[in-house]
Amino acid sequence: MTVWAGETMERHEVARMHRRVDRADLAAVGEVRGAVRELLRYRWKEEPAQVAELLLSELVTNALVHTDDGAVVAVSVAPRRLRVEVRDFVTGMPPESHVPPADDGTHGRGLVLVESLADSWGISPRSLGKVVWFELDGERP
């Protein structure tokens, strides 16, 4: 279920989206991307919105493929900043990001992309699980 909310924060409108995705439901990746696309449609220019979709899908895919539980996705959009958080409920941190061997063209590049394209990102441990997050600076259309 996607929950939308709008509120005023620091004299700026903030739009939010929260969604729980079930374990191994890789179809949810496309659904979450579509929800973020719709959230950003009139709030951000196209290029940073596409980067946000790409990075979001990498984090959600990682959470679903590498954990035994689902994940919670939280997106906050202000006029000039987007923050995406993907929380899983598995202890332990992901391996350090690295560029995988050239013969592995489809796996292992998610955090490398996040590190390369996000304005800031990180991993915040929780008592149960962790939050992998990124932020992007953007502009209104």
N, C-alpha and C. Protein backbone atom coordinates (compact mmCIF):
# COMPACT_ATOMS: atom_id res chain seq x y z
N MET A 1 0.84 -1.17 0.00
CA MET A 1 0.00 0.00 0.00
C MET A 1 0.88 1.24 0.00
N THR A 2 0.57 2.18 -0.84
CA THR A 2 1.31 3.43 -0.90
C THR A 2 0.53 4.49 -0.15
N VAL A 3 1.22 5.23 0.69
CA VAL A 3 0.59 6.29 1.46
C VAL A 3 1.22 7.60 1.03
N TRP A 4 0.41 8.57 0.66
CA TRP A 4 0.89 9.88 0.26
C TRP A 4 0.49 10.89 1.32
N ALA A 5 1.34 11.83 1.54
CA ALA A 5 1.01 12.89 2.49
C ALA A 5 1.71 14.16 2.04
N GLY A 6 1.11 15.28 2.28
CA GLY A 6 1.76 16.56 2.01
C GLY A 6 1.74 17.37 3.28
N GLU A 7 2.82 18.06 3.53
CA GLU A 7 2.87 18.88 4.72
C GLU A 7 3.85 20.02 4.49
N THR A 8 3.83 20.99 5.35
CA THR A 8 4.75 22.10 5.24
C THR A 8 5.86 21.90 6.26
N MET A 9 7.08 22.01 5.78
CA MET A 9 8.24 21.83 6.65
C MET A 9 9.23 22.92 6.29
N GLU A 10 9.66 23.68 7.28
CA GLU A 10 10.60 24.76 7.05
C GLU A 10 10.13 25.65 5.90
N ARG A 11 8.88 25.96 5.88
CA ARG A 11 8.26 26.81 4.88
C ARG A 11 8.36 26.25 3.46
N HIS A 12 8.54 24.96 3.34
CA HIS A 12 8.57 24.31 2.04
C HIS A 12 7.59 23.15 2.06
N GLU A 13 6.96 22.94 0.94
CA GLU A 13 6.07 21.78 0.82
C GLU A 13 6.92 20.51 0.73
N VAL A 14 6.53 19.52 1.49
CA VAL A 14 7.21 18.22 1.45
C VAL A 14 6.17 17.17 1.09
N ALA A 15 6.43 16.40 0.06
CA ALA A 15 5.56 15.28 -0.31
C ALA A 15 6.25 14.01 0.15
N ARG A 16 5.46 13.07 0.63
CA ARG A 16 6.02 11.84 1.17
C ARG A 16 5.30 10.63 0.59
N MET A 17 6.05 9.55 0.50
CA MET A 17 5.49 8.27 0.09
C MET A 17 6.10 7.19 0.98
N HIS A 18 5.27 6.28 1.45
CA HIS A 18 5.74 5.12 2.22
C HIS A 18 5.13 3.87 1.60
N ARG A 19 5.95 2.83 1.52
CA ARG A 19 5.43 1.58 0.97
C ARG A 19 6.18 0.41 1.57
N ARG A 20 5.45 -0.60 1.94
CA ARG A 20 6.06 -1.86 2.38
C ARG A 20 6.08 -2.80 1.19
N VAL A 21 7.21 -3.43 0.96
CA VAL A 21 7.33 -4.40 -0.12
C VAL A 21 7.64 -5.76 0.48
N ASP A 22 6.98 -6.77 -0.03
CA ASP A 22 7.14 -8.12 0.51
C ASP A 22 8.39 -8.79 -0.05
N ARG A 23 8.88 -9.69 0.74
CA ARG A 23 10.07 -10.47 0.38
C ARG A 23 9.87 -11.15 -0.97
N ALA A 24 10.89 -11.08 -1.78
CA ALA A 24 10.93 -11.75 -3.09
C ALA A 24 9.85 -11.28 -4.07
N ASP A 25 9.21 -10.14 -3.80
CA ASP A 25 8.22 -9.60 -4.72
C ASP A 25 8.92 -8.60 -5.65
N LEU A 26 9.67 -9.12 -6.61
CA LEU A 26 10.43 -8.23 -7.48
C LEU A 26 9.54 -7.38 -8.37
N ALA A 27 8.28 -7.75 -8.55
CA ALA A 27 7.35 -6.89 -9.29
C ALA A 27 7.13 -5.57 -8.56
N ALA A 28 7.33 -5.59 -7.25
CA ALA A 28 7.17 -4.37 -6.45
C ALA A 28 8.19 -3.30 -6.83
N VAL A 29 9.33 -3.71 -7.37
CA VAL A 29 10.36 -2.73 -7.77
C VAL A 29 9.78 -1.79 -8.82
N GLY A 30 9.16 -2.33 -9.84
CA GLY A 30 8.54 -1.50 -10.88
C GLY A 30 7.40 -0.66 -10.36
N GLU A 31 6.62 -1.22 -9.44
CA GLU A 31 5.50 -0.48 -8.86
C GLU A 31 6.00 0.71 -8.04
N VAL A 32 7.06 0.51 -7.27
CA VAL A 32 7.61 1.60 -6.46
C VAL A 32 8.23 2.66 -7.37
N ARG A 33 8.91 2.23 -8.43
CA ARG A 33 9.47 3.18 -9.40
C ARG A 33 8.36 4.04 -9.99
N GLY A 34 7.26 3.40 -10.38
CA GLY A 34 6.13 4.14 -10.95
C GLY A 34 5.54 5.13 -9.96
N ALA A 35 5.44 4.74 -8.71
CA ALA A 35 4.91 5.64 -7.69
C ALA A 35 5.82 6.84 -7.49
N VAL A 36 7.13 6.62 -7.51
CA VAL A 36 8.07 7.74 -7.37
C VAL A 36 8.03 8.63 -8.61
N ARG A 37 7.92 8.03 -9.78
CA ARG A 37 7.80 8.81 -11.01
C ARG A 37 6.59 9.74 -10.92
N GLU A 38 5.47 9.21 -10.46
CA GLU A 38 4.26 10.03 -10.33
C GLU A 38 4.45 11.11 -9.27
N LEU A 39 5.09 10.78 -8.17
CA LEU A 39 5.34 11.74 -7.10
C LEU A 39 6.20 12.91 -7.60
N LEU A 40 7.17 12.62 -8.47
CA LEU A 40 8.10 13.64 -8.94
C LEU A 40 7.65 14.35 -10.21
N ARG A 41 6.61 13.85 -10.85
CA ARG A 41 6.21 14.33 -12.18
C ARG A 41 6.16 15.86 -12.29
N TYR A 42 5.50 16.53 -11.40
CA TYR A 42 5.36 17.99 -11.48
C TYR A 42 6.22 18.71 -10.46
N ARG A 43 7.02 17.97 -9.72
CA ARG A 43 7.83 18.57 -8.67
C ARG A 43 9.29 18.73 -9.06
N TRP A 44 9.77 17.90 -9.96
CA TRP A 44 11.20 17.89 -10.31
C TRP A 44 11.38 17.82 -11.81
N LYS A 45 12.55 18.27 -12.26
CA LYS A 45 12.91 18.14 -13.67
C LYS A 45 13.14 16.67 -14.00
N GLU A 46 13.05 16.36 -15.28
CA GLU A 46 13.07 14.96 -15.72
C GLU A 46 14.37 14.23 -15.40
N GLU A 47 15.52 14.85 -15.67
CA GLU A 47 16.78 14.12 -15.49
C GLU A 47 17.03 13.70 -14.04
N PRO A 48 16.93 14.61 -13.04
CA PRO A 48 17.13 14.12 -11.67
C PRO A 48 16.05 13.14 -11.22
N ALA A 49 14.84 13.26 -11.77
CA ALA A 49 13.78 12.31 -11.43
C ALA A 49 14.13 10.92 -11.94
N GLN A 50 14.73 10.84 -13.13
CA GLN A 50 15.14 9.54 -13.67
C GLN A 50 16.26 8.92 -12.84
N VAL A 51 17.19 9.75 -12.37
CA VAL A 51 18.26 9.25 -11.50
C VAL A 51 17.65 8.72 -10.21
N ALA A 52 16.68 9.44 -9.66
CA ALA A 52 16.01 8.99 -8.43
C ALA A 52 15.36 7.63 -8.64
N GLU A 53 14.67 7.45 -9.75
CA GLU A 53 14.03 6.16 -10.05
C GLU A 53 15.05 5.03 -10.13
N LEU A 54 16.15 5.28 -10.82
CA LEU A 54 17.19 4.27 -10.97
C LEU A 54 17.77 3.86 -9.63
N LEU A 55 18.15 4.84 -8.81
CA LEU A 55 18.78 4.54 -7.53
C LEU A 55 17.79 3.87 -6.58
N LEU A 56 16.55 4.32 -6.58
CA LEU A 56 15.52 3.69 -5.77
C LEU A 56 15.37 2.22 -6.15
N SER A 57 15.31 1.94 -7.45
CA SER A 57 15.12 0.55 -7.86
C SER A 57 16.32 -0.31 -7.47
N GLU A 58 17.52 0.24 -7.48
CA GLU A 58 18.70 -0.52 -7.05
C GLU A 58 18.60 -0.88 -5.57
N LEU A 59 18.22 0.09 -4.73
CA LEU A 59 18.13 -0.18 -3.29
C LEU A 59 17.01 -1.15 -2.96
N VAL A 60 15.87 -0.99 -3.60
CA VAL A 60 14.75 -1.90 -3.33
C VAL A 60 15.09 -3.32 -3.80
N THR A 61 15.69 -3.43 -4.96
CA THR A 61 16.09 -4.75 -5.46
C THR A 61 17.08 -5.40 -4.51
N ASN A 62 18.08 -4.65 -4.06
CA ASN A 62 19.05 -5.20 -3.10
C ASN A 62 18.34 -5.72 -1.85
N ALA A 63 17.42 -4.92 -1.32
CA ALA A 63 16.73 -5.33 -0.09
C ALA A 63 15.93 -6.60 -0.30
N LEU A 64 15.30 -6.74 -1.46
CA LEU A 64 14.46 -7.92 -1.70
C LEU A 64 15.27 -9.15 -2.05
N VAL A 65 16.38 -8.97 -2.74
CA VAL A 65 17.18 -10.11 -3.17
C VAL A 65 18.08 -10.62 -2.05
N HIS A 66 18.59 -9.72 -1.23
CA HIS A 66 19.62 -10.10 -0.26
C HIS A 66 19.11 -10.26 1.17
N THR A 67 17.80 -10.22 1.37
CA THR A 67 17.26 -10.41 2.72
C THR A 67 16.14 -11.43 2.68
N ASP A 68 15.79 -11.95 3.84
CA ASP A 68 14.70 -12.92 3.93
C ASP A 68 13.38 -12.27 4.31
N ASP A 69 13.41 -10.98 4.58
CA ASP A 69 12.21 -10.25 4.94
C ASP A 69 11.92 -9.21 3.87
N GLY A 70 10.80 -8.56 4.01
CA GLY A 70 10.47 -7.46 3.12
C GLY A 70 11.25 -6.22 3.50
N ALA A 71 10.81 -5.11 2.96
CA ALA A 71 11.48 -3.83 3.22
C ALA A 71 10.42 -2.75 3.29
N VAL A 72 10.80 -1.62 3.85
CA VAL A 72 9.95 -0.44 3.89
C VAL A 72 10.66 0.67 3.12
N VAL A 73 9.95 1.27 2.18
CA VAL A 73 10.49 2.35 1.37
C VAL A 73 9.84 3.65 1.83
N ALA A 74 10.66 4.66 2.09
CA ALA A 74 10.16 5.99 2.46
C ALA A 74 10.82 7.01 1.55
N VAL A 75 10.01 7.87 0.96
CA VAL A 75 10.51 8.91 0.05
C VAL A 75 9.97 10.24 0.54
N SER A 76 10.86 11.22 0.67
CA SER A 76 10.48 12.59 1.03
C SER A 76 11.00 13.52 -0.06
N VAL A 77 10.11 14.36 -0.58
CA VAL A 77 10.47 15.28 -1.66
C VAL A 77 10.18 16.70 -1.22
N ALA A 78 11.23 17.50 -1.16
CA ALA A 78 11.10 18.94 -0.92
C ALA A 78 11.38 19.63 -2.26
N PRO A 79 11.18 20.94 -2.35
CA PRO A 79 11.40 21.59 -3.64
C PRO A 79 12.79 21.36 -4.24
N ARG A 80 13.80 21.24 -3.42
CA ARG A 80 15.15 21.08 -3.97
C ARG A 80 15.90 19.86 -3.43
N ARG A 81 15.22 18.97 -2.75
CA ARG A 81 15.91 17.80 -2.19
C ARG A 81 14.96 16.62 -2.13
N LEU A 82 15.52 15.46 -2.47
CA LEU A 82 14.80 14.20 -2.38
C LEU A 82 15.60 13.28 -1.47
N ARG A 83 14.91 12.59 -0.58
CA ARG A 83 15.55 11.59 0.27
C ARG A 83 14.78 10.29 0.13
N VAL A 84 15.50 9.22 -0.14
CA VAL A 84 14.92 7.88 -0.25
C VAL A 84 15.58 7.02 0.81
N GLU A 85 14.75 6.30 1.56
CA GLU A 85 15.24 5.35 2.57
C GLU A 85 14.62 3.99 2.28
N VAL A 86 15.45 2.96 2.31
CA VAL A 86 14.96 1.59 2.18
C VAL A 86 15.44 0.84 3.41
N ARG A 87 14.48 0.44 4.22
CA ARG A 87 14.81 -0.24 5.47
C ARG A 87 14.54 -1.73 5.33
N ASP A 88 15.53 -2.52 5.73
CA ASP A 88 15.31 -3.95 5.82
C ASP A 88 15.39 -4.35 7.29
N PHE A 89 15.10 -5.59 7.57
CA PHE A 89 15.02 -6.04 8.96
C PHE A 89 16.00 -7.17 9.22
N VAL A 90 17.14 -7.11 8.56
CA VAL A 90 18.19 -8.11 8.69
C VAL A 90 19.42 -7.44 9.29
N THR A 91 19.96 -8.04 10.35
CA THR A 91 21.16 -7.48 10.95
C THR A 91 22.34 -7.67 10.01
N GLY A 92 23.34 -6.87 10.19
CA GLY A 92 24.53 -6.95 9.34
C GLY A 92 24.49 -5.90 8.26
N MET A 93 25.67 -5.53 7.84
CA MET A 93 25.80 -4.49 6.83
C MET A 93 26.09 -5.13 5.48
N PRO A 94 25.72 -4.42 4.40
CA PRO A 94 26.06 -4.94 3.08
C PRO A 94 27.57 -4.90 2.88
N PRO A 95 28.08 -5.72 1.97
CA PRO A 95 29.53 -5.68 1.72
C PRO A 95 29.93 -4.33 1.15
N GLU A 96 31.20 -3.98 1.36
CA GLU A 96 31.70 -2.73 0.81
C GLU A 96 31.47 -2.71 -0.68
N SER A 97 31.09 -1.53 -1.19
CA SER A 97 30.82 -1.45 -2.62
C SER A 97 32.11 -1.61 -3.40
N HIS A 98 32.00 -2.31 -4.48
CA HIS A 98 33.13 -2.53 -5.38
C HIS A 98 32.59 -2.78 -6.78
N VAL A 99 33.42 -2.56 -7.74
CA VAL A 99 33.02 -2.86 -9.11
C VAL A 99 33.29 -4.34 -9.34
N PRO A 100 32.25 -5.10 -9.68
CA PRO A 100 32.42 -6.53 -9.88
C PRO A 100 33.22 -6.84 -11.14
N PRO A 101 33.64 -8.09 -11.30
CA PRO A 101 34.37 -8.47 -12.51
C PRO A 101 33.59 -8.13 -13.77
N ALA A 102 34.31 -7.86 -14.84
CA ALA A 102 33.68 -7.44 -16.09
C ALA A 102 32.71 -8.47 -16.65
N ASP A 103 32.90 -9.74 -16.34
CA ASP A 103 32.00 -10.75 -16.90
C ASP A 103 30.66 -10.81 -16.18
N ASP A 104 30.49 -10.06 -15.11
CA ASP A 104 29.22 -10.03 -14.39
C ASP A 104 28.54 -8.70 -14.68
N GLY A 105 27.86 -8.60 -15.80
CA GLY A 105 27.31 -7.33 -16.23
C GLY A 105 25.99 -6.94 -15.62
N THR A 106 25.35 -7.82 -14.85
CA THR A 106 24.02 -7.49 -14.36
C THR A 106 23.88 -7.47 -12.85
N HIS A 107 24.86 -7.91 -12.12
CA HIS A 107 24.72 -7.99 -10.67
C HIS A 107 25.87 -7.27 -9.97
N GLY A 108 25.57 -6.74 -8.79
CA GLY A 108 26.62 -6.20 -7.95
C GLY A 108 26.97 -4.75 -8.16
N ARG A 109 26.19 -4.03 -8.93
CA ARG A 109 26.54 -2.64 -9.21
C ARG A 109 25.63 -1.64 -8.51
N GLY A 110 24.67 -2.09 -7.73
CA GLY A 110 23.70 -1.19 -7.13
C GLY A 110 24.30 -0.11 -6.26
N LEU A 111 25.11 -0.49 -5.27
CA LEU A 111 25.69 0.52 -4.39
C LEU A 111 26.75 1.35 -5.09
N VAL A 112 27.40 0.78 -6.11
CA VAL A 112 28.35 1.56 -6.90
C VAL A 112 27.61 2.69 -7.62
N LEU A 113 26.45 2.39 -8.18
CA LEU A 113 25.63 3.43 -8.83
C LEU A 113 25.19 4.48 -7.82
N VAL A 114 24.73 4.03 -6.67
CA VAL A 114 24.28 4.98 -5.64
C VAL A 114 25.43 5.89 -5.25
N GLU A 115 26.58 5.30 -5.00
CA GLU A 115 27.76 6.08 -4.61
C GLU A 115 28.15 7.08 -5.70
N SER A 116 28.00 6.70 -6.95
CA SER A 116 28.40 7.56 -8.07
C SER A 116 27.41 8.67 -8.36
N LEU A 117 26.12 8.40 -8.23
CA LEU A 117 25.11 9.34 -8.70
C LEU A 117 24.42 10.15 -7.61
N ALA A 118 24.40 9.67 -6.39
CA ALA A 118 23.71 10.39 -5.31
C ALA A 118 24.56 11.56 -4.82
N ASP A 119 23.90 12.61 -4.37
CA ASP A 119 24.63 13.73 -3.76
C ASP A 119 25.14 13.35 -2.38
N SER A 120 24.41 12.51 -1.69
CA SER A 120 24.89 11.92 -0.44
C SER A 120 24.15 10.60 -0.25
N TRP A 121 24.77 9.70 0.51
CA TRP A 121 24.14 8.41 0.78
C TRP A 121 24.81 7.79 1.98
N GLY A 122 24.16 6.78 2.54
CA GLY A 122 24.75 6.12 3.68
C GLY A 122 23.94 4.92 4.11
N ILE A 123 24.44 4.28 5.14
CA ILE A 123 23.79 3.12 5.74
C ILE A 123 23.70 3.39 7.22
N SER A 124 22.49 3.36 7.77
CA SER A 124 22.26 3.64 9.18
C SER A 124 21.76 2.38 9.86
N PRO A 125 22.57 1.80 10.76
CA PRO A 125 22.11 0.60 11.46
C PRO A 125 20.95 0.93 12.40
N ARG A 126 20.06 -0.01 12.57
CA ARG A 126 18.94 0.09 13.51
C ARG A 126 19.05 -1.10 14.46
N SER A 127 18.27 -1.07 15.53
CA SER A 127 18.30 -2.20 16.47
C SER A 127 17.90 -3.49 15.76
N LEU A 128 17.04 -3.39 14.79
CA LEU A 128 16.68 -4.54 13.95
C LEU A 128 16.81 -4.09 12.50
N GLY A 129 17.87 -4.50 11.86
CA GLY A 129 18.06 -4.16 10.46
C GLY A 129 18.86 -2.89 10.24
N LYS A 130 18.63 -2.29 9.08
CA LYS A 130 19.36 -1.10 8.70
C LYS A 130 18.54 -0.30 7.69
N VAL A 131 18.93 0.96 7.52
CA VAL A 131 18.35 1.82 6.50
C VAL A 131 19.47 2.21 5.54
N VAL A 132 19.27 1.92 4.27
CA VAL A 132 20.17 2.41 3.23
C VAL A 132 19.44 3.58 2.59
N TRP A 133 20.12 4.72 2.52
CA TRP A 133 19.45 5.94 2.06
C TRP A 133 20.32 6.69 1.06
N PHE A 134 19.66 7.55 0.29
CA PHE A 134 20.39 8.50 -0.56
C PHE A 134 19.60 9.79 -0.65
N GLU A 135 20.31 10.84 -0.99
CA GLU A 135 19.70 12.14 -1.22
C GLU A 135 20.17 12.68 -2.56
N LEU A 136 19.26 13.39 -3.24
CA LEU A 136 19.57 14.06 -4.49
C LEU A 136 19.12 15.50 -4.39
N ASP A 137 19.90 16.37 -4.97
CA ASP A 137 19.47 17.76 -5.14
C ASP A 137 18.75 17.84 -6.47
N GLY A 138 17.69 18.62 -6.53
CA GLY A 138 16.93 18.71 -7.77
C GLY A 138 16.36 20.09 -7.95
N GLU A 139 15.67 20.28 -9.07
CA GLU A 139 15.06 21.56 -9.38
C GLU A 139 13.63 21.33 -9.82
N ARG A 140 12.82 22.33 -9.54
CA ARG A 140 11.45 22.28 -10.04
C ARG A 140 11.46 22.50 -11.54
N PRO A 141 10.47 21.94 -12.22
CA PRO A 141 10.40 22.16 -13.68
C PRO A 141 10.06 23.60 -14.02
